[in-house]
Amino acid sequence: MSSFKCTGIAADMLRFDEGYERQPYKDTLGFWTIGVGHFLGKDLNKMTLSDRVIRAMLEEDIDNAWADVVKIFGAAAESWAFPRQLALLNLSFNLGGKKLAQFNNTIAAIKDGSWDDAADHLGKSLWAKQVKSRSTRVIHMVRTGELHEAYSPSR
């Protein structure tokens, strides 16, 4: 598949003619649309997204979740063992930054470097009860600093 050569000009032209909407809206023919005239369909229940769009959305969501982790924990988050970074990214992605910021005991324990205490606090949370399998994996990585086997690239 080839790509159009004048992407910048083409994008500017289409934004001008189509508009730019972050929320779904019905166009002049009653079709659901979003972004810059991106067709979603007549019925949102039958809407599908391409793999490329889903990947782009995931990348943005990961960036936002990690930004929330850094906002809560500061630059120290960059020095954690990678599995612990993944664990806190997972928490932030699942809960959202605002809810994660309310895990005061867990946050305090992590800031003190008390990873076992942080894992214990997470294990006692409502979150752990709501997402039992996920929480088991995340808590393992918080406690041990090791990747959970379910996330192993060789699985």
N, C-alpha and C. Protein backbone atom coordinates (compact mmCIF):
# COMPACT_ATOMS: atom_id res chain seq x y z
N MET A 1 0.85 -1.18 0.00
CA MET A 1 0.00 0.00 0.00
C MET A 1 0.89 1.23 0.00
N SER A 2 0.66 2.14 -0.92
CA SER A 2 1.44 3.38 -0.95
C SER A 2 0.73 4.44 -0.12
N SER A 3 1.50 5.43 0.29
CA SER A 3 0.91 6.52 1.06
C SER A 3 0.93 7.80 0.25
N PHE A 4 0.00 8.67 0.56
CA PHE A 4 -0.12 9.93 -0.16
C PHE A 4 1.05 10.82 0.19
N LYS A 5 1.66 11.47 -0.79
CA LYS A 5 2.90 12.22 -0.61
C LYS A 5 2.74 13.52 0.18
N CYS A 6 1.63 14.21 0.03
CA CYS A 6 1.46 15.53 0.66
C CYS A 6 0.61 15.42 1.92
N THR A 7 1.04 14.57 2.83
CA THR A 7 0.24 14.28 4.00
C THR A 7 -0.12 15.53 4.79
N GLY A 8 0.84 16.43 5.03
CA GLY A 8 0.57 17.63 5.81
C GLY A 8 -0.49 18.51 5.18
N ILE A 9 -0.35 18.78 3.89
CA ILE A 9 -1.32 19.61 3.18
C ILE A 9 -2.66 18.89 3.08
N ALA A 10 -2.62 17.59 2.80
CA ALA A 10 -3.85 16.82 2.69
C ALA A 10 -4.60 16.81 4.03
N ALA A 11 -3.86 16.61 5.11
CA ALA A 11 -4.49 16.60 6.43
C ALA A 11 -5.08 17.96 6.76
N ASP A 12 -4.34 19.02 6.48
CA ASP A 12 -4.86 20.37 6.74
C ASP A 12 -6.12 20.64 5.93
N MET A 13 -6.12 20.25 4.66
CA MET A 13 -7.28 20.45 3.79
C MET A 13 -8.50 19.71 4.35
N LEU A 14 -8.31 18.44 4.73
CA LEU A 14 -9.43 17.65 5.21
C LEU A 14 -9.93 18.13 6.57
N ARG A 15 -9.02 18.57 7.44
CA ARG A 15 -9.46 19.16 8.72
C ARG A 15 -10.31 20.40 8.46
N PHE A 16 -9.91 21.18 7.48
CA PHE A 16 -10.66 22.40 7.15
C PHE A 16 -12.06 22.05 6.65
N ASP A 17 -12.16 21.07 5.75
CA ASP A 17 -13.45 20.72 5.16
C ASP A 17 -14.32 19.82 6.04
N GLU A 18 -13.70 18.94 6.79
CA GLU A 18 -14.45 17.98 7.60
C GLU A 18 -14.68 18.44 9.04
N GLY A 19 -13.81 19.28 9.55
CA GLY A 19 -13.85 19.64 10.95
C GLY A 19 -13.01 18.67 11.76
N TYR A 20 -13.00 18.88 13.06
CA TYR A 20 -12.18 18.07 13.95
C TYR A 20 -12.97 17.87 15.23
N GLU A 21 -13.40 16.65 15.47
CA GLU A 21 -14.24 16.36 16.63
C GLU A 21 -13.65 15.20 17.43
N ARG A 22 -13.49 15.42 18.72
CA ARG A 22 -12.95 14.37 19.60
C ARG A 22 -14.03 13.39 20.04
N GLN A 23 -15.27 13.76 19.95
CA GLN A 23 -16.37 12.89 20.36
C GLN A 23 -17.19 12.49 19.13
N PRO A 24 -17.77 11.29 19.18
CA PRO A 24 -18.60 10.87 18.05
C PRO A 24 -19.77 11.84 17.83
N TYR A 25 -20.08 12.06 16.58
CA TYR A 25 -21.21 12.91 16.20
C TYR A 25 -21.83 12.34 14.94
N LYS A 26 -23.05 12.73 14.67
CA LYS A 26 -23.70 12.31 13.42
C LYS A 26 -23.44 13.37 12.35
N ASP A 27 -22.99 12.90 11.20
CA ASP A 27 -22.74 13.83 10.10
C ASP A 27 -24.06 14.23 9.44
N THR A 28 -23.97 14.97 8.35
CA THR A 28 -25.17 15.50 7.69
C THR A 28 -26.08 14.41 7.14
N LEU A 29 -25.53 13.20 6.95
CA LEU A 29 -26.35 12.08 6.46
C LEU A 29 -26.79 11.15 7.59
N GLY A 30 -26.43 11.51 8.82
CA GLY A 30 -26.84 10.70 9.97
C GLY A 30 -25.88 9.57 10.32
N PHE A 31 -24.68 9.57 9.72
CA PHE A 31 -23.69 8.54 10.02
C PHE A 31 -22.81 8.98 11.18
N TRP A 32 -22.49 8.03 12.08
CA TRP A 32 -21.61 8.33 13.19
C TRP A 32 -20.20 8.54 12.66
N THR A 33 -19.59 9.60 13.15
CA THR A 33 -18.29 10.04 12.68
C THR A 33 -17.49 10.53 13.88
N ILE A 34 -16.16 10.52 13.76
CA ILE A 34 -15.29 11.06 14.81
C ILE A 34 -14.01 11.57 14.18
N GLY A 35 -13.29 12.39 14.93
CA GLY A 35 -12.00 12.88 14.44
C GLY A 35 -12.19 13.83 13.28
N VAL A 36 -11.49 13.54 12.21
CA VAL A 36 -11.60 14.34 10.99
C VAL A 36 -12.39 13.52 9.98
N GLY A 37 -13.70 13.53 10.15
CA GLY A 37 -14.59 12.83 9.22
C GLY A 37 -14.38 11.32 9.17
N HIS A 38 -13.88 10.72 10.25
CA HIS A 38 -13.66 9.27 10.25
C HIS A 38 -14.98 8.56 10.47
N PHE A 39 -15.39 7.81 9.46
CA PHE A 39 -16.67 7.09 9.46
C PHE A 39 -16.65 5.97 10.48
N LEU A 40 -17.64 5.98 11.38
CA LEU A 40 -17.78 4.91 12.37
C LEU A 40 -18.91 3.95 11.99
N GLY A 41 -19.90 4.42 11.28
CA GLY A 41 -21.00 3.56 10.86
C GLY A 41 -22.35 4.14 11.21
N LYS A 42 -23.39 3.42 10.83
CA LYS A 42 -24.76 3.85 11.14
C LYS A 42 -25.13 3.46 12.56
N ASP A 43 -24.54 2.39 13.06
CA ASP A 43 -24.89 1.84 14.37
C ASP A 43 -23.59 1.64 15.15
N LEU A 44 -23.41 2.37 16.24
CA LEU A 44 -22.17 2.27 17.00
C LEU A 44 -21.96 0.87 17.59
N ASN A 45 -23.02 0.12 17.77
CA ASN A 45 -22.88 -1.25 18.28
C ASN A 45 -22.20 -2.17 17.28
N LYS A 46 -22.17 -1.77 16.02
CA LYS A 46 -21.53 -2.58 14.99
C LYS A 46 -20.19 -1.99 14.55
N MET A 47 -19.73 -0.99 15.27
CA MET A 47 -18.49 -0.31 14.93
C MET A 47 -17.28 -1.20 15.16
N THR A 48 -16.33 -1.14 14.27
CA THR A 48 -15.06 -1.84 14.44
C THR A 48 -13.93 -0.86 14.18
N LEU A 49 -12.77 -1.16 14.76
CA LEU A 49 -11.59 -0.34 14.56
C LEU A 49 -10.51 -1.19 13.92
N SER A 50 -9.66 -0.57 13.15
CA SER A 50 -8.54 -1.29 12.55
C SER A 50 -7.48 -1.57 13.61
N ASP A 51 -6.64 -2.56 13.35
CA ASP A 51 -5.54 -2.87 14.26
C ASP A 51 -4.62 -1.67 14.44
N ARG A 52 -4.40 -0.92 13.38
CA ARG A 52 -3.52 0.24 13.45
C ARG A 52 -4.10 1.32 14.37
N VAL A 53 -5.40 1.55 14.30
CA VAL A 53 -6.04 2.53 15.17
C VAL A 53 -6.00 2.06 16.62
N ILE A 54 -6.25 0.78 16.85
CA ILE A 54 -6.21 0.25 18.21
C ILE A 54 -4.80 0.38 18.78
N ARG A 55 -3.77 0.08 17.98
CA ARG A 55 -2.38 0.24 18.44
C ARG A 55 -2.08 1.69 18.78
N ALA A 56 -2.53 2.62 17.95
CA ALA A 56 -2.28 4.04 18.21
C ALA A 56 -2.98 4.48 19.50
N MET A 57 -4.19 4.01 19.71
CA MET A 57 -4.91 4.35 20.93
C MET A 57 -4.20 3.77 22.15
N LEU A 58 -3.74 2.53 22.04
CA LEU A 58 -3.04 1.88 23.14
C LEU A 58 -1.74 2.62 23.47
N GLU A 59 -0.99 3.00 22.45
CA GLU A 59 0.25 3.74 22.68
C GLU A 59 -0.02 5.04 23.43
N GLU A 60 -1.05 5.75 23.04
CA GLU A 60 -1.39 7.00 23.73
C GLU A 60 -1.84 6.73 25.16
N ASP A 61 -2.64 5.69 25.36
CA ASP A 61 -3.10 5.34 26.70
C ASP A 61 -1.93 4.93 27.60
N ILE A 62 -0.97 4.19 27.05
CA ILE A 62 0.23 3.81 27.82
C ILE A 62 1.02 5.05 28.20
N ASP A 63 1.21 5.95 27.25
CA ASP A 63 1.93 7.20 27.55
C ASP A 63 1.24 7.97 28.67
N ASN A 64 -0.07 8.07 28.61
CA ASN A 64 -0.83 8.79 29.63
C ASN A 64 -0.75 8.10 30.99
N ALA A 65 -0.86 6.77 30.99
CA ALA A 65 -0.78 6.03 32.25
C ALA A 65 0.60 6.18 32.88
N TRP A 66 1.66 6.11 32.08
CA TRP A 66 3.01 6.27 32.62
C TRP A 66 3.22 7.70 33.12
N ALA A 67 2.68 8.68 32.42
CA ALA A 67 2.79 10.07 32.88
C ALA A 67 2.15 10.23 34.25
N ASP A 68 1.04 9.54 34.50
CA ASP A 68 0.40 9.59 35.82
C ASP A 68 1.28 8.95 36.88
N VAL A 69 1.94 7.84 36.54
CA VAL A 69 2.85 7.19 37.49
C VAL A 69 3.97 8.15 37.87
N VAL A 70 4.56 8.79 36.87
CA VAL A 70 5.66 9.73 37.14
C VAL A 70 5.16 10.93 37.93
N LYS A 71 3.95 11.37 37.66
CA LYS A 71 3.37 12.48 38.42
C LYS A 71 3.23 12.12 39.89
N ILE A 72 2.83 10.89 40.17
CA ILE A 72 2.62 10.44 41.55
C ILE A 72 3.94 10.14 42.25
N PHE A 73 4.87 9.47 41.56
CA PHE A 73 6.10 8.99 42.20
C PHE A 73 7.34 9.80 41.87
N GLY A 74 7.25 10.68 40.90
CA GLY A 74 8.41 11.48 40.53
C GLY A 74 9.41 10.69 39.71
N ALA A 75 10.59 11.27 39.57
CA ALA A 75 11.64 10.68 38.74
C ALA A 75 12.11 9.32 39.24
N ALA A 76 11.87 9.02 40.51
CA ALA A 76 12.28 7.72 41.06
C ALA A 76 11.68 6.56 40.27
N ALA A 77 10.50 6.77 39.69
CA ALA A 77 9.85 5.70 38.92
C ALA A 77 10.73 5.21 37.78
N GLU A 78 11.56 6.09 37.24
CA GLU A 78 12.43 5.73 36.12
C GLU A 78 13.53 4.76 36.56
N SER A 79 13.82 4.70 37.85
CA SER A 79 14.92 3.85 38.34
C SER A 79 14.45 2.50 38.87
N TRP A 80 13.16 2.27 38.95
CA TRP A 80 12.65 0.99 39.44
C TRP A 80 13.02 -0.13 38.48
N ALA A 81 13.03 -1.35 39.00
CA ALA A 81 13.17 -2.52 38.14
C ALA A 81 12.04 -2.50 37.12
N PHE A 82 12.34 -2.91 35.90
CA PHE A 82 11.37 -2.84 34.82
C PHE A 82 10.04 -3.53 35.17
N PRO A 83 10.05 -4.73 35.79
CA PRO A 83 8.76 -5.34 36.14
C PRO A 83 7.94 -4.48 37.11
N ARG A 84 8.59 -3.75 38.00
CA ARG A 84 7.85 -2.86 38.90
C ARG A 84 7.28 -1.68 38.12
N GLN A 85 8.03 -1.19 37.16
CA GLN A 85 7.49 -0.13 36.30
C GLN A 85 6.25 -0.65 35.58
N LEU A 86 6.33 -1.86 35.06
CA LEU A 86 5.18 -2.46 34.37
C LEU A 86 3.99 -2.60 35.31
N ALA A 87 4.27 -3.02 36.54
CA ALA A 87 3.18 -3.20 37.51
C ALA A 87 2.46 -1.89 37.78
N LEU A 88 3.22 -0.81 38.00
CA LEU A 88 2.59 0.48 38.28
C LEU A 88 1.93 1.06 37.04
N LEU A 89 2.50 0.79 35.87
CA LEU A 89 1.85 1.19 34.62
C LEU A 89 0.51 0.47 34.51
N ASN A 90 0.49 -0.82 34.81
CA ASN A 90 -0.74 -1.62 34.75
C ASN A 90 -1.79 -1.05 35.70
N LEU A 91 -1.37 -0.75 36.92
CA LEU A 91 -2.29 -0.16 37.90
C LEU A 91 -2.86 1.16 37.40
N SER A 92 -1.99 2.02 36.91
CA SER A 92 -2.42 3.33 36.42
C SER A 92 -3.36 3.19 35.23
N PHE A 93 -3.03 2.28 34.33
CA PHE A 93 -3.87 2.04 33.16
C PHE A 93 -5.24 1.54 33.59
N ASN A 94 -5.27 0.62 34.54
CA ASN A 94 -6.52 0.02 34.99
C ASN A 94 -7.37 0.97 35.82
N LEU A 95 -6.73 1.68 36.73
CA LEU A 95 -7.46 2.54 37.67
C LEU A 95 -7.64 3.97 37.19
N GLY A 96 -6.68 4.45 36.43
CA GLY A 96 -6.60 5.87 36.12
C GLY A 96 -5.74 6.55 37.17
N GLY A 97 -5.08 7.60 36.79
CA GLY A 97 -4.16 8.29 37.68
C GLY A 97 -4.82 8.84 38.94
N LYS A 98 -6.03 9.36 38.81
CA LYS A 98 -6.71 9.94 39.97
C LYS A 98 -7.00 8.90 41.04
N LYS A 99 -7.45 7.72 40.62
CA LYS A 99 -7.73 6.67 41.60
C LYS A 99 -6.44 6.09 42.16
N LEU A 100 -5.45 5.91 41.31
CA LEU A 100 -4.17 5.40 41.80
C LEU A 100 -3.59 6.34 42.86
N ALA A 101 -3.75 7.62 42.67
CA ALA A 101 -3.22 8.61 43.61
C ALA A 101 -3.88 8.51 44.99
N GLN A 102 -5.00 7.80 45.08
CA GLN A 102 -5.70 7.63 46.36
C GLN A 102 -5.19 6.42 47.14
N PHE A 103 -4.28 5.65 46.58
CA PHE A 103 -3.71 4.49 47.25
C PHE A 103 -2.57 4.96 48.16
N ASN A 104 -2.92 5.75 49.15
CA ASN A 104 -1.93 6.44 49.99
C ASN A 104 -0.93 5.51 50.65
N ASN A 105 -1.39 4.42 51.24
CA ASN A 105 -0.48 3.50 51.93
C ASN A 105 0.48 2.83 50.95
N THR A 106 -0.04 2.43 49.81
CA THR A 106 0.80 1.80 48.78
C THR A 106 1.83 2.79 48.28
N ILE A 107 1.40 4.00 48.01
CA ILE A 107 2.31 5.03 47.51
C ILE A 107 3.40 5.33 48.52
N ALA A 108 3.02 5.48 49.78
CA ALA A 108 4.01 5.76 50.84
C ALA A 108 5.02 4.62 50.94
N ALA A 109 4.54 3.39 50.88
CA ALA A 109 5.44 2.23 50.98
C ALA A 109 6.41 2.20 49.81
N ILE A 110 5.92 2.48 48.61
CA ILE A 110 6.80 2.48 47.44
C ILE A 110 7.83 3.59 47.56
N LYS A 111 7.39 4.77 47.98
CA LYS A 111 8.34 5.88 48.13
C LYS A 111 9.40 5.58 49.18
N ASP A 112 9.07 4.74 50.17
CA ASP A 112 10.04 4.32 51.19
C ASP A 112 10.88 3.13 50.73
N GLY A 113 10.56 2.58 49.55
CA GLY A 113 11.27 1.41 49.07
C GLY A 113 10.83 0.12 49.73
N SER A 114 9.68 0.14 50.39
CA SER A 114 9.13 -1.03 51.08
C SER A 114 8.18 -1.77 50.14
N TRP A 115 8.76 -2.49 49.19
CA TRP A 115 7.95 -3.14 48.16
C TRP A 115 7.05 -4.23 48.71
N ASP A 116 7.51 -4.95 49.73
CA ASP A 116 6.64 -5.97 50.36
C ASP A 116 5.41 -5.32 50.98
N ASP A 117 5.62 -4.21 51.70
CA ASP A 117 4.49 -3.50 52.30
C ASP A 117 3.54 -2.98 51.23
N ALA A 118 4.11 -2.45 50.15
CA ALA A 118 3.28 -1.95 49.05
C ALA A 118 2.42 -3.09 48.49
N ALA A 119 3.04 -4.24 48.30
CA ALA A 119 2.31 -5.40 47.77
C ALA A 119 1.21 -5.83 48.75
N ASP A 120 1.53 -5.81 50.05
CA ASP A 120 0.52 -6.17 51.05
C ASP A 120 -0.67 -5.21 51.02
N HIS A 121 -0.39 -3.91 50.92
CA HIS A 121 -1.47 -2.92 50.85
C HIS A 121 -2.33 -3.13 49.60
N LEU A 122 -1.68 -3.39 48.48
CA LEU A 122 -2.44 -3.64 47.25
C LEU A 122 -3.33 -4.87 47.41
N GLY A 123 -2.79 -5.90 48.04
CA GLY A 123 -3.54 -7.14 48.23
C GLY A 123 -4.78 -6.98 49.08
N LYS A 124 -4.80 -5.98 49.95
CA LYS A 124 -5.95 -5.74 50.83
C LYS A 124 -6.96 -4.76 50.21
N SER A 125 -6.68 -4.27 49.04
CA SER A 125 -7.53 -3.23 48.44
C SER A 125 -8.76 -3.82 47.75
N LEU A 126 -9.75 -2.98 47.58
CA LEU A 126 -10.94 -3.36 46.81
C LEU A 126 -10.54 -3.72 45.38
N TRP A 127 -9.58 -2.97 44.83
CA TRP A 127 -9.09 -3.25 43.47
C TRP A 127 -8.68 -4.71 43.34
N ALA A 128 -7.93 -5.24 44.32
CA ALA A 128 -7.44 -6.62 44.26
C ALA A 128 -8.60 -7.61 44.24
N LYS A 129 -9.67 -7.29 44.94
CA LYS A 129 -10.83 -8.18 44.96
C LYS A 129 -11.60 -8.11 43.63
N GLN A 130 -11.61 -6.92 43.03
CA GLN A 130 -12.37 -6.73 41.79
C GLN A 130 -11.69 -7.36 40.58
N VAL A 131 -10.37 -7.38 40.58
CA VAL A 131 -9.62 -7.93 39.44
C VAL A 131 -8.61 -8.96 39.96
N LYS A 132 -9.13 -10.01 40.55
CA LYS A 132 -8.33 -10.96 41.29
C LYS A 132 -7.14 -11.52 40.50
N SER A 133 -7.36 -12.03 39.32
CA SER A 133 -6.26 -12.61 38.53
C SER A 133 -5.22 -11.55 38.18
N ARG A 134 -5.70 -10.43 37.70
CA ARG A 134 -4.80 -9.34 37.32
C ARG A 134 -4.01 -8.87 38.54
N SER A 135 -4.71 -8.70 39.66
CA SER A 135 -4.03 -8.18 40.85
C SER A 135 -2.96 -9.15 41.33
N THR A 136 -3.19 -10.44 41.21
CA THR A 136 -2.19 -11.43 41.61
C THR A 136 -0.91 -11.24 40.80
N ARG A 137 -1.05 -11.01 39.51
CA ARG A 137 0.12 -10.82 38.65
C ARG A 137 0.84 -9.51 38.98
N VAL A 138 0.07 -8.44 39.12
CA VAL A 138 0.65 -7.12 39.40
C VAL A 138 1.33 -7.12 40.77
N ILE A 139 0.67 -7.67 41.77
CA ILE A 139 1.24 -7.71 43.12
C ILE A 139 2.53 -8.53 43.14
N HIS A 140 2.57 -9.62 42.39
CA HIS A 140 3.79 -10.42 42.28
C HIS A 140 4.96 -9.54 41.79
N MET A 141 4.71 -8.74 40.76
CA MET A 141 5.79 -7.91 40.20
C MET A 141 6.19 -6.80 41.16
N VAL A 142 5.22 -6.23 41.87
CA VAL A 142 5.53 -5.21 42.87
C VAL A 142 6.41 -5.83 43.96
N ARG A 143 6.02 -6.98 44.46
CA ARG A 143 6.73 -7.63 45.57
C ARG A 143 8.14 -8.08 45.18
N THR A 144 8.24 -8.74 44.03
CA THR A 144 9.50 -9.41 43.67
C THR A 144 10.41 -8.60 42.75
N GLY A 145 9.83 -7.67 42.02
CA GLY A 145 10.61 -6.97 41.00
C GLY A 145 10.92 -7.86 39.81
N GLU A 146 10.18 -8.96 39.70
CA GLU A 146 10.37 -9.90 38.59
C GLU A 146 9.11 -9.98 37.75
N LEU A 147 9.30 -10.19 36.47
CA LEU A 147 8.18 -10.30 35.55
C LEU A 147 7.35 -11.53 35.89
N HIS A 148 6.04 -11.39 35.92
CA HIS A 148 5.16 -12.54 36.15
C HIS A 148 5.21 -13.42 34.91
N GLU A 149 5.18 -14.73 35.11
CA GLU A 149 5.29 -15.67 34.00
C GLU A 149 4.23 -15.47 32.94
N ALA A 150 3.05 -14.99 33.32
CA ALA A 150 1.98 -14.78 32.34
C ALA A 150 2.35 -13.70 31.32
N TYR A 151 3.26 -12.82 31.69
CA TYR A 151 3.67 -11.73 30.81
C TYR A 151 4.97 -12.03 30.08
N SER A 152 5.50 -13.22 30.26
CA SER A 152 6.76 -13.60 29.64
C SER A 152 6.63 -13.59 28.12
N PRO A 153 7.59 -13.00 27.42
CA PRO A 153 7.53 -12.98 25.95
C PRO A 153 7.53 -14.38 25.33
N SER A 154 8.02 -15.38 26.05
CA SER A 154 8.10 -16.73 25.51
C SER A 154 6.83 -17.56 25.73
N ARG A 155 5.84 -16.97 26.41
CA ARG A 155 4.63 -17.76 26.71
C ARG A 155 3.83 -18.06 25.48
